[in-house]
C-alpha atoms as a PDB file:
ATOM      1  CA  MET A   1      29.675 128.303 134.200  1.00  0.00           C
ATOM      2  CA  MET A   2      32.549 130.312 134.771  1.00  0.00           C
ATOM      3  CA  ILE A   3      33.527 131.677 137.664  1.00  0.00           C
ATOM      4  CA  PRO A   4      31.274 135.070 139.595  1.00  0.00           C
ATOM      5  CA  ASP A   5      33.324 137.305 139.988  1.00  0.00           C
ATOM      6  CA  PHE A   6      33.014 138.520 143.910  1.00  0.00           C
ATOM      7  CA  GLN A   7      30.764 141.607 142.841  1.00  0.00           C
ATOM      8  CA  THR A   8      27.996 139.310 141.149  1.00  0.00           C
ATOM      9  CA  ILE A   9      28.466 136.867 144.742  1.00  0.00           C
ATOM     10  CA  MET A  10      27.028 139.458 146.819  1.00  0.00           C
ATOM     11  CA  LEU A  11      23.284 139.237 146.285  1.00  0.00           C
ATOM     12  CA  PRO A  12      23.321 135.328 146.438  1.00  0.00           C
ATOM     13  CA  LEU A  13      25.222 135.156 149.853  1.00  0.00           C
ATOM     14  CA  LEU A  14      23.179 137.980 151.551  1.00  0.00           C
ATOM     15  CA  GLN A  15      19.737 135.794 150.458  1.00  0.00           C
ATOM     16  CA  ILE A  16      22.207 132.859 151.677  1.00  0.00           C
ATOM     17  CA  LEU A  17      22.000 134.168 155.097  1.00  0.00           C
ATOM     18  CA  SER A  18      18.457 135.949 154.897  1.00  0.00           C
ATOM     19  CA  ASP A  19      16.865 133.386 157.170  1.00  0.00           C
ATOM     20  CA  GLY A  20      18.829 134.623 159.681  1.00  0.00           C
ATOM     21  CA  ASN A  21      20.399 131.736 161.143  1.00  0.00           C
ATOM     22  CA  GLU A  22      24.539 131.008 161.459  1.00  0.00           C
ATOM     23  CA  TYR A  23      26.685 129.664 158.751  1.00  0.00           C
ATOM     24  CA  LEU A  24      29.936 128.587 158.251  1.00  0.00           C
ATOM     25  CA  LEU A  25      32.066 129.958 155.982  1.00  0.00           C
ATOM     26  CA  ARG A  26      32.306 127.265 154.036  1.00  0.00           C
ATOM     27  CA  ASP A  27      29.106 126.058 154.063  1.00  0.00           C
ATOM     28  CA  VAL A  28      28.193 129.309 152.205  1.00  0.00           C
ATOM     29  CA  ILE A  29      30.805 128.759 149.694  1.00  0.00           C
ATOM     30  CA  ASN A  30      29.172 125.677 148.851  1.00  0.00           C
ATOM     31  CA  LYS A  31      26.055 126.668 148.571  1.00  0.00           C
ATOM     32  CA  ILE A  32      27.577 129.682 146.128  1.00  0.00           C
ATOM     33  CA  CYS A  33      28.890 126.810 143.811  1.00  0.00           C
ATOM     34  CA  ASP A  34      26.068 125.000 143.555  1.00  0.00           C
ATOM     35  CA  GLN A  35      23.793 128.016 142.769  1.00  0.00           C
ATOM     36  CA  PHE A  36      26.412 128.998 140.298  1.00  0.00           C
ATOM     37  CA  HIS A  37      26.193 125.486 139.069  1.00  0.00           C
ATOM     38  CA  LEU A  38      30.068 125.334 139.217  1.00  0.00           C
ATOM     39  CA  THR A  39      32.009 122.199 137.507  1.00  0.00           C
ATOM     40  CA  GLU A  40      34.447 120.267 140.093  1.00  0.00           C
ATOM     41  CA  GLU A  41      37.357 121.747 138.343  1.00  0.00           C
ATOM     42  CA  GLU A  42      35.824 125.091 138.877  1.00  0.00           C
ATOM     43  CA  LYS A  43      35.519 124.796 142.474  1.00  0.00           C
ATOM     44  CA  ILE A  44      39.235 123.845 142.712  1.00  0.00           C
ATOM     45  CA  GLU A  45      40.843 126.387 140.476  1.00  0.00           C
ATOM     46  CA  LEU A  46      43.645 128.323 142.320  1.00  0.00           C
ATOM     47  CA  LEU A  47      44.900 131.956 142.301  1.00  0.00           C
ATOM     48  CA  PRO A  48      48.025 132.023 140.406  1.00  0.00           C
ATOM     49  CA  SER A  49      49.997 131.528 143.786  1.00  0.00           C
ATOM     50  CA  GLY A  50      48.262 128.401 144.420  1.00  0.00           C
ATOM     51  CA  ASN A  51      47.615 129.273 147.921  1.00  0.00           C
ATOM     52  CA  GLN A  52      43.877 129.638 147.641  1.00  0.00           C
ATOM     53  CA  PRO A  53      40.827 128.283 145.232  1.00  0.00           C
ATOM     54  CA  ILE A  54      39.535 131.357 143.682  1.00  0.00           C
ATOM     55  CA  ILE A  55      35.895 131.301 144.426  1.00  0.00           C
ATOM     56  CA  ASP A  56      36.809 130.802 148.653  1.00  0.00           C
ATOM     57  CA  ASN A  57      38.712 134.239 147.548  1.00  0.00           C
ATOM     58  CA  ARG A  58      36.204 135.869 145.976  1.00  0.00           C
ATOM     59  CA  VAL A  59      33.185 134.992 148.197  1.00  0.00           C
ATOM     60  CA  GLY A  60      35.926 136.091 151.217  1.00  0.00           C
ATOM     61  CA  TRP A  61      35.973 139.441 149.387  1.00  0.00           C
ATOM     62  CA  ALA A  62      32.215 139.744 148.797  1.00  0.00           C
ATOM     63  CA  ARG A  63      31.585 138.384 152.800  1.00  0.00           C
ATOM     64  CA  THR A  64      34.113 141.288 153.504  1.00  0.00           C
ATOM     65  CA  TYR A  65      32.776 143.729 151.340  1.00  0.00           C
ATOM     66  CA  LEU A  66      28.601 142.972 152.784  1.00  0.00           C
ATOM     67  CA  LYS A  67      30.584 143.627 155.826  1.00  0.00           C
ATOM     68  CA  LYS A  68      31.904 147.047 155.629  1.00  0.00           C
ATOM     69  CA  ALA A  69      28.798 148.041 154.581  1.00  0.00           C
ATOM     70  CA  GLN A  70      26.864 146.709 157.609  1.00  0.00           C
ATOM     71  CA  LEU A  71      24.629 144.114 156.669  1.00  0.00           C
ATOM     72  CA  LEU A  72      26.245 141.399 157.726  1.00  0.00           C
ATOM     73  CA  GLU A  73      28.142 140.389 161.191  1.00  0.00           C
ATOM     74  CA  ASN A  74      30.587 137.749 161.885  1.00  0.00           C
ATOM     75  CA  PRO A  75      29.485 136.023 165.806  1.00  0.00           C
ATOM     76  CA  ARG A  76      32.123 133.976 165.979  1.00  0.00           C
ATOM     77  CA  ARG A  77      35.106 133.205 164.126  1.00  0.00           C
ATOM     78  CA  GLY A  78      34.425 131.612 160.501  1.00  0.00           C
ATOM     79  CA  VAL A  79      30.593 132.602 160.972  1.00  0.00           C
ATOM     80  CA  LEU A  80      28.559 134.818 159.134  1.00  0.00           C
ATOM     81  CA  ARG A  81      24.855 135.895 159.970  1.00  0.00           C
ATOM     82  CA  ILE A  82      22.720 138.539 158.484  1.00  0.00           C
ATOM     83  CA  ASN A  83      21.627 141.760 160.551  1.00  0.00           C
ATOM     84  CA  GLN A  84      18.747 143.940 160.651  1.00  0.00           C
ATOM     85  CA  ALA A  85      19.922 146.291 158.159  1.00  0.00           C
ATOM     86  CA  GLY A  86      21.279 143.292 155.668  1.00  0.00           C
ATOM     87  CA  ARG A  87      17.246 142.137 155.903  1.00  0.00           C
ATOM     88  CA  GLU A  88      15.169 145.438 155.000  1.00  0.00           C
ATOM     89  CA  LEU A  89      18.113 145.774 151.984  1.00  0.00           C
ATOM     90  CA  LEU A  90      16.485 141.982 151.067  1.00  0.00           C
ATOM     91  CA  GLU A  91      13.537 143.476 151.384  1.00  0.00           C
ATOM     92  CA  SER A  92      13.494 145.937 149.109  1.00  0.00           C
ATOM     93  CA  LYS A  93      14.425 143.693 146.246  1.00  0.00           C
ATOM     94  CA  PRO A  94      17.635 144.901 145.014  1.00  0.00           C
ATOM     95  CA  SER A  95      18.336 143.358 141.530  1.00  0.00           C
ATOM     96  CA  ARG A  96      21.645 143.188 141.955  1.00  0.00           C
ATOM     97  CA  ILE A  97      24.544 144.361 144.992  1.00  0.00           C
ATOM     98  CA  ASP A  98      28.038 145.615 143.625  1.00  0.00           C
ATOM     99  CA  VAL A  99      30.035 148.630 145.362  1.00  0.00           C
ATOM    100  CA  LYS A 100      28.241 150.880 143.248  1.00  0.00           C
ATOM    101  CA  PHE A 101      25.272 149.981 145.289  1.00  0.00           C
ATOM    102  CA  LEU A 102      26.600 149.739 148.665  1.00  0.00           C
ATOM    103  CA  LYS A 103      28.861 152.888 147.825  1.00  0.00           C
ATOM    104  CA  THR A 104      24.489 154.435 148.590  1.00  0.00           C
ATOM    105  CA  LEU A 105      25.021 152.947 151.863  1.00  0.00           C
ATOM    106  CA  PRO A 106      26.137 155.341 154.533  1.00  0.00           C
ATOM    107  CA  GLY A 107      28.356 152.061 156.881  1.00  0.00           C
ATOM    108  CA  PHE A 108      29.747 151.476 153.019  1.00  0.00           C
ATOM    109  CA  LYS A 109      30.386 155.294 151.954  1.00  0.00           C
ATOM    110  CA  GLU A 110      31.930 155.800 155.268  1.00  0.00           C
ATOM    111  CA  TRP A 111      34.350 153.161 154.724  1.00  0.00           C
ATOM    112  CA  HIS A 112      35.027 153.496 151.449  1.00  0.00           C
ATOM    113  CA  GLU A 113      35.490 157.717 151.798  1.00  0.00           C
ATOM    114  CA  SER A 114      38.023 157.153 155.190  1.00  0.00           C
ATOM    115  CA  SER A 115      40.159 155.354 152.708  1.00  0.00           C
ATOM    116  CA  SER A 116      39.740 156.878 149.386  1.00  0.00           C
ATOM    117  CA  SER A 117      41.502 159.885 151.621  1.00  0.00           C
ATOM    118  CA  LYS A 118      44.899 157.952 152.475  1.00  0.00           C
ATOM    119  CA  ASP A 119      47.766 159.745 150.286  1.00  0.00           C
ATOM    120  CA  ASP A 120      48.796 155.848 149.915  1.00  0.00           C
ATOM    121  CA  GLY A 121      48.690 154.405 146.981  1.00  0.00           C
ATOM    122  CA  ILE A 122      45.965 152.190 148.178  1.00  0.00           C
ATOM    123  CA  THR A 123      42.837 154.087 146.243  1.00  0.00           C
ATOM    124  CA  PRO A 124      43.985 153.430 142.414  1.00  0.00           C
ATOM    125  CA  VAL A 125      44.085 149.550 143.290  1.00  0.00           C
ATOM    126  CA  ILE A 126      40.598 149.429 144.991  1.00  0.00           C
ATOM    127  CA  GLU A 127      39.122 151.540 142.016  1.00  0.00           C
ATOM    128  CA  LYS A 128      40.642 149.374 139.951  1.00  0.00           C
ATOM    129  CA  VAL A 129      39.386 146.617 141.500  1.00  0.00           C
ATOM    130  CA  GLU A 130      35.335 148.004 141.228  1.00  0.00           C
ATOM    131  CA  ASN A 131      34.997 149.536 138.439  1.00  0.00           C
ATOM    132  CA  GLU A 132      36.873 147.672 135.790  1.00  0.00           C
ATOM    133  CA  THR A 133      37.968 143.858 136.818  1.00  0.00           C
ATOM    134  CA  GLY A 134      35.514 142.946 139.221  1.00  0.00           C
ATOM    135  CA  LYS A 135      38.500 140.439 140.866  1.00  0.00           C
ATOM    136  CA  THR A 136      39.387 141.399 144.071  1.00  0.00           C
ATOM    137  CA  PRO A 137      42.526 142.659 145.820  1.00  0.00           C
ATOM    138  CA  GLU A 138      44.180 139.679 145.990  1.00  0.00           C
ATOM    139  CA  GLU A 139      43.937 138.259 142.268  1.00  0.00           C
ATOM    140  CA  LEU A 140      44.778 141.839 140.753  1.00  0.00           C
ATOM    141  CA  LEU A 141      48.169 141.506 142.967  1.00  0.00           C
ATOM    142  CA  GLU A 142      48.689 137.575 142.045  1.00  0.00           C
ATOM    143  CA  TYR A 143      48.022 138.230 138.285  1.00  0.00           C
ATOM    144  CA  SER A 144      50.048 141.539 138.278  1.00  0.00           C
ATOM    145  CA  PHE A 145      53.061 139.846 139.505  1.00  0.00           C
ATOM    146  CA  VAL A 146      52.510 136.505 137.107  1.00  0.00           C
ATOM    147  CA  SER A 147      52.648 139.644 134.676  1.00  0.00           C
ATOM    148  CA  ILE A 148      55.728 141.125 135.739  1.00  0.00           C
ATOM    149  CA  LYS A 149      56.719 137.351 136.043  1.00  0.00           C
ATOM    150  CA  GLU A 150      56.094 136.824 132.607  1.00  0.00           C
ATOM    151  CA  GLN A 151      58.526 139.723 131.841  1.00  0.00           C
ATOM    152  CA  LEU A 152      61.592 139.102 133.639  1.00  0.00           C
ATOM    153  CA  ALA A 153      60.877 135.608 131.993  1.00  0.00           C
ATOM    154  CA  SER A 154      61.023 137.062 128.303  1.00  0.00           C
ATOM    155  CA  GLU A 155      64.367 139.665 129.163  1.00  0.00           C
ATOM    156  CA  LEU A 156      66.365 136.494 130.526  1.00  0.00           C
ATOM    157  CA  LEU A 157      65.660 134.697 127.707  1.00  0.00           C
ATOM    158  CA  GLU A 158      66.899 137.006 125.079  1.00  0.00           C
ATOM    159  CA  LYS A 159      69.799 138.021 127.629  1.00  0.00           C
ATOM    160  CA  ILE A 160      70.919 134.050 127.929  1.00  0.00           C
ATOM    161  CA  LYS A 161      71.125 133.797 123.911  1.00  0.00           C
ATOM    162  CA  SER A 162      73.000 137.202 123.280  1.00  0.00           C
ATOM    163  CA  CYS A 163      75.861 135.356 125.702  1.00  0.00           C
ATOM    164  CA  PRO A 164      78.578 133.396 124.546  1.00  0.00           C
ATOM    165  CA  PHE A 165      77.587 129.613 124.216  1.00  0.00           C
ATOM    166  CA  SER A 166      80.255 128.703 127.236  1.00  0.00           C
ATOM    167  CA  PHE A 167      78.165 131.297 129.568  1.00  0.00           C
ATOM    168  CA  PHE A 168      75.257 129.018 128.337  1.00  0.00           C
ATOM    169  CA  GLU A 169      76.740 125.699 129.629  1.00  0.00           C
ATOM    170  CA  VAL A 170      78.490 127.598 133.387  1.00  0.00           C
ATOM    171  CA  LEU A 171      75.127 128.876 133.672  1.00  0.00           C
ATOM    172  CA  VAL A 172      73.653 125.765 133.705  1.00  0.00           C
ATOM    173  CA  ILE A 173      75.579 124.353 136.343  1.00  0.00           C
ATOM    174  CA  ASP A 174      75.347 127.123 138.214  1.00  0.00           C
ATOM    175  CA  LEU A 175      71.874 126.401 138.424  1.00  0.00           C
ATOM    176  CA  LEU A 176      71.476 122.693 139.270  1.00  0.00           C
ATOM    177  CA  ILE A 177      73.978 123.494 141.857  1.00  0.00           C
ATOM    178  CA  LYS A 178      71.664 126.238 143.513  1.00  0.00           C
ATOM    179  CA  MET A 179      68.357 123.244 142.967  1.00  0.00           C
ATOM    180  CA  GLY A 180      70.441 121.299 145.376  1.00  0.00           C
ATOM    181  CA  TYR A 181      72.346 119.007 143.495  1.00  0.00           C
ATOM    182  CA  GLY A 182      75.870 118.054 144.070  1.00  0.00           C
ATOM    183  CA  GLY A 183      77.766 120.552 146.512  1.00  0.00           C
ATOM    184  CA  SER A 184      80.154 124.052 145.585  1.00  0.00           C
ATOM    185  CA  LYS A 185      80.788 124.599 142.116  1.00  0.00           C
ATOM    186  CA  ARG A 186      84.062 123.449 142.242  1.00  0.00           C
ATOM    187  CA  GLU A 187      83.233 119.881 144.338  1.00  0.00           C
ATOM    188  CA  ALA A 188      80.330 118.909 142.168  1.00  0.00           C
ATOM    189  CA  GLY A 189      79.524 120.691 138.774  1.00  0.00           C
ATOM    190  CA  GLN A 190      81.948 120.030 136.005  1.00  0.00           C
ATOM    191  CA  VAL A 191      81.552 121.842 132.115  1.00  0.00           C
ATOM    192  CA  MET A 192      83.395 118.982 130.010  1.00  0.00           C
ATOM    193  CA  GLY A 193      83.126 121.453 126.285  1.00  0.00           C
ATOM    194  CA  LYS A 194      82.540 119.271 123.354  1.00  0.00           C
ATOM    195  CA  SER A 195      85.773 116.934 123.018  1.00  0.00           C
ATOM    196  CA  GLY A 196      84.079 114.070 121.361  1.00  0.00           C
ATOM    197  CA  ASP A 197      82.055 113.827 124.987  1.00  0.00           C
ATOM    198  CA  GLY A 198      79.390 111.877 122.733  1.00  0.00           C
ATOM    199  CA  GLY A 199      76.877 115.505 122.785  1.00  0.00           C
ATOM    200  CA  ILE A 200      77.494 116.046 126.737  1.00  0.00           C
ATOM    201  CA  ASP A 201      78.354 119.221 127.825  1.00  0.00           C
ATOM    202  CA  GLY A 202      78.388 118.639 131.604  1.00  0.00           C
ATOM    203  CA  LEU A 203      78.186 116.682 134.529  1.00  0.00           C
ATOM    204  CA  ILE A 204      76.888 117.184 137.935  1.00  0.00           C
ATOM    205  CA  LYS A 205      77.017 115.144 141.071  1.00  0.00           C
ATOM    206  CA  GLU A 206      73.052 113.860 141.800  1.00  0.00           C
ATOM    207  CA  ASP A 207      74.419 114.558 145.770  1.00  0.00           C
ATOM    208  CA  LYS A 208      77.069 116.102 147.861  1.00  0.00           C
ATOM    209  CA  LEU A 209      78.148 112.470 149.024  1.00  0.00           C
ATOM    210  CA  GLY A 210      78.570 111.800 144.680  1.00  0.00           C
ATOM    211  CA  LEU A 211      76.706 108.567 144.640  1.00  0.00           C
ATOM    212  CA  ASP A 212      75.399 109.190 141.465  1.00  0.00           C
ATOM    213  CA  THR A 213      76.594 111.558 138.347  1.00  0.00           C
ATOM    214  CA  ILE A 214      73.813 113.111 136.303  1.00  0.00           C
ATOM    215  CA  TYR A 215      75.017 114.109 132.681  1.00  0.00           C
ATOM    216  CA  VAL A 216      73.622 117.387 130.985  1.00  0.00           C
ATOM    217  CA  GLN A 217      73.311 118.742 127.664  1.00  0.00           C
ATOM    218  CA  ALA A 218      72.777 122.465 127.183  1.00  0.00           C
ATOM    219  CA  LYS A 219      71.473 123.648 123.694  1.00  0.00           C
ATOM    220  CA  ARG A 220      70.612 127.211 122.719  1.00  0.00           C
ATOM    221  CA  TRP A 221      68.920 127.135 120.207  1.00  0.00           C
ATOM    222  CA  GLU A 222      66.282 128.909 118.349  1.00  0.00           C
ATOM    223  CA  ASN A 223      64.430 126.242 116.348  1.00  0.00           C
ATOM    224  CA  THR A 224      62.816 123.032 118.095  1.00  0.00           C
ATOM    225  CA  VAL A 225      65.184 120.600 119.181  1.00  0.00           C
ATOM    226  CA  PRO A 226      65.109 117.563 116.844  1.00  0.00           C
ATOM    227  CA  ILE A 227      64.110 114.157 118.241  1.00  0.00           C
ATOM    228  CA  HIS A 228      67.530 112.730 116.924  1.00  0.00           C
ATOM    229  CA  HIS A 229      69.389 115.097 119.450  1.00  0.00           C
ATOM    230  CA  VAL A 230      67.673 113.263 122.043  1.00  0.00           C
ATOM    231  CA  ARG A 231      67.862 109.703 121.257  1.00  0.00           C
ATOM    232  CA  ASP A 232      71.886 111.252 120.619  1.00  0.00           C
ATOM    233  CA  PHE A 233      71.487 112.249 124.017  1.00  0.00           C
ATOM    234  CA  ALA A 234      70.193 108.948 125.164  1.00  0.00           C
ATOM    235  CA  GLY A 235      71.982 106.822 123.604  1.00  0.00           C
ATOM    236  CA  SER A 236      75.459 108.314 124.905  1.00  0.00           C
ATOM    237  CA  LEU A 237      73.965 107.854 128.297  1.00  0.00           C
ATOM    238  CA  LEU A 238      73.635 103.971 127.611  1.00  0.00           C
ATOM    239  CA  SER A 239      77.000 104.082 126.303  1.00  0.00           C
ATOM    240  CA  LYS A 240      78.417 105.668 129.805  1.00  0.00           C
ATOM    241  CA  LYS A 241      76.310 103.377 131.703  1.00  0.00           C
ATOM    242  CA  ALA A 242      74.084 106.386 133.196  1.00  0.00           C
ATOM    243  CA  LYS A 243      70.894 106.237 134.211  1.00  0.00           C
ATOM    244  CA  LYS A 244      69.802 109.731 134.154  1.00  0.00           C
ATOM    245  CA  GLY A 245      70.550 112.685 131.898  1.00  0.00           C
ATOM    246  CA  ILE A 246      69.466 116.423 131.943  1.00  0.00           C
ATOM    247  CA  PHE A 247      68.715 117.876 128.175  1.00  0.00           C
ATOM    248  CA  ILE A 248      68.474 122.115 128.585  1.00  0.00           C
ATOM    249  CA  THR A 249      67.491 123.912 125.903  1.00  0.00           C
ATOM    250  CA  THR A 250      66.330 128.008 125.302  1.00  0.00           C
ATOM    251  CA  SER A 251      63.618 126.847 122.620  1.00  0.00           C
ATOM    252  CA  ASN A 252      61.427 123.821 123.097  1.00  0.00           C
ATOM    253  CA  TYR A 253      60.682 119.985 122.173  1.00  0.00           C
ATOM    254  CA  PRO A 254      58.358 118.484 119.963  1.00  0.00           C
ATOM    255  CA  ALA A 255      55.770 116.382 121.376  1.00  0.00           C
ATOM    256  CA  SER A 256      57.439 113.112 119.856  1.00  0.00           C
ATOM    257  CA  ALA A 257      61.218 114.048 122.158  1.00  0.00           C
ATOM    258  CA  LYS A 258      58.774 113.983 125.405  1.00  0.00           C
ATOM    259  CA  GLU A 259      56.996 110.693 124.409  1.00  0.00           C
ATOM    260  CA  PHE A 260      60.482 109.440 123.785  1.00  0.00           C
ATOM    261  CA  VAL A 261      61.878 109.975 127.133  1.00  0.00           C
ATOM    262  CA  SER A 262      59.013 109.047 129.034  1.00  0.00           C
ATOM    263  CA  SER A 263      59.256 105.281 128.146  1.00  0.00           C
ATOM    264  CA  ILE A 264      62.909 104.789 128.220  1.00  0.00           C
ATOM    265  CA  GLU A 265      66.111 103.819 130.318  1.00  0.00           C
ATOM    266  CA  PRO A 266      68.185 105.453 131.505  1.00  0.00           C
ATOM    267  CA  LYS A 267      65.812 108.345 132.499  1.00  0.00           C
ATOM    268  CA  VAL A 268      66.101 111.699 131.055  1.00  0.00           C
ATOM    269  CA  ALA A 269      64.675 115.142 131.821  1.00  0.00           C
ATOM    270  CA  LEU A 270      63.672 117.663 129.295  1.00  0.00           C
ATOM    271  CA  ILE A 271      64.270 121.109 130.326  1.00  0.00           C
ATOM    272  CA  ASP A 272      62.761 123.831 127.569  1.00  0.00           C
ATOM    273  CA  GLY A 273      62.978 127.739 127.471  1.00  0.00           C
ATOM    274  CA  LYS A 274      60.009 128.064 129.885  1.00  0.00           C
ATOM    275  CA  GLU A 275      60.601 126.298 132.275  1.00  0.00           C
ATOM    276  CA  LEU A 276      64.735 127.399 132.317  1.00  0.00           C
ATOM    277  CA  THR A 277      63.454 130.777 133.254  1.00  0.00           C
ATOM    278  CA  GLU A 278      61.392 129.904 135.566  1.00  0.00           C
ATOM    279  CA  LEU A 279      63.769 128.098 137.670  1.00  0.00           C
ATOM    280  CA  MET A 280      66.397 130.923 137.444  1.00  0.00           C
ATOM    281  CA  ILE A 281      63.406 132.751 138.462  1.00  0.00           C
ATOM    282  CA  GLU A 282      62.931 130.488 141.314  1.00  0.00           C
ATOM    283  CA  TYR A 283      66.805 129.915 142.693  1.00  0.00           C
ATOM    284  CA  ASN A 284      67.402 133.517 141.837  1.00  0.00           C
ATOM    285  CA  ILE A 285      70.126 132.809 138.554  1.00  0.00           C
ATOM    286  CA  GLY A 286      71.005 136.185 137.196  1.00  0.00           C
ATOM    287  CA  VAL A 287      67.728 138.088 139.046  1.00  0.00           C
ATOM    288  CA  ALA A 288      67.988 140.257 141.878  1.00  0.00           C
ATOM    289  CA  SER A 289      65.115 141.418 143.816  1.00  0.00           C
ATOM    290  CA  LYS A 290      63.929 145.181 143.229  1.00  0.00           C
ATOM    291  CA  LYS A 291      61.039 145.495 146.249  1.00  0.00           C
ATOM    292  CA  MET A 292      59.258 143.006 148.175  1.00  0.00           C
ATOM    293  CA  TYR A 293      55.857 142.953 149.348  1.00  0.00           C
ATOM    294  CA  GLU A 294      54.451 141.129 152.479  1.00  0.00           C
ATOM    295  CA  VAL A 295      50.395 140.754 152.422  1.00  0.00           C
ATOM    296  CA  LYS A 296      49.482 140.563 155.795  1.00  0.00           C
ATOM    297  CA  ARG A 297      45.983 138.468 157.487  1.00  0.00           C
ATOM    298  CA  LEU A 298      44.226 139.415 160.682  1.00  0.00           C
ATOM    299  CA  ASP A 299      45.444 136.493 163.338  1.00  0.00           C
ATOM    300  CA  THR A 300      42.071 135.563 164.610  1.00  0.00           C
ATOM    301  CA  ASP A 301      43.858 132.950 167.308  1.00  0.00           C
ATOM    302  CA  TYR A 302      45.709 136.051 168.790  1.00  0.00           C
ATOM    303  CA  PHE A 303      42.255 137.583 169.751  1.00  0.00           C
ATOM    304  CA  GLU A 304      40.957 133.861 171.020  1.00  0.00           C
ATOM    305  CA  GLU A 305      41.144 135.057 174.016  1.00  0.00           C
ATOM    306  CA  VAL A 306      39.717 138.313 174.218  1.00  0.00           C
END
């Protein structure tokens, strides 16, 4: 069973409230989960941001649309109750309640038309939610963000591959410093090159005090990294009595390499091209912010004393 979209949830949500009792939003969400036979995994599946379960978000938006249609009310914070208009609607036994249906109701129609009359760029998003995807506005925003981020990661990887290898080595040290290893570039990181160093390309202090050193290998490759290179790197760490190492590549690793590093000492972290670009985006290495959107929610605590 897939997680139902927020429009599919509208009628079941109203039916749950049909007895006229007050329900906590969390109890309504649980009842929706049971009605659609969601698995434990589906119940906790998160939005791309990881901030909220998808089902919670969809039930929340179904509630919002039904409230805009004046079919239910919030007698107090986090509590839902059907109103007279909602009960009358259920008595007509609708087969489905969705946005198209809600547009036939005066309350929702007035809200929708007032929103659509604004030339603020919001209407196209609302129409896309209603007519195409069944996703909530927050879902569309988050999935669009993921798509933009994936495209940026692809462009980053191509750019890295086109730069001189010496630049790639410096980039790796810059990233590790930005992630909190060591202190300044001058104090913490040192690019070592390939002058008989056993395949180790660089080193960086684990912390600002330099209590431990992490060795780094950077491979700007197109093909999968052969496992023997990972074994050689681990062997180099042993020869230097090092406890930790980071192997970074623009390509990927075979499953056997990941199994190998999970079973040995010293500890070796394997970072492939995908993770490398994700870290660069997260720590603003080689990227710049173009535009920022701030999503705000109603602060119900502010109105608590009203």
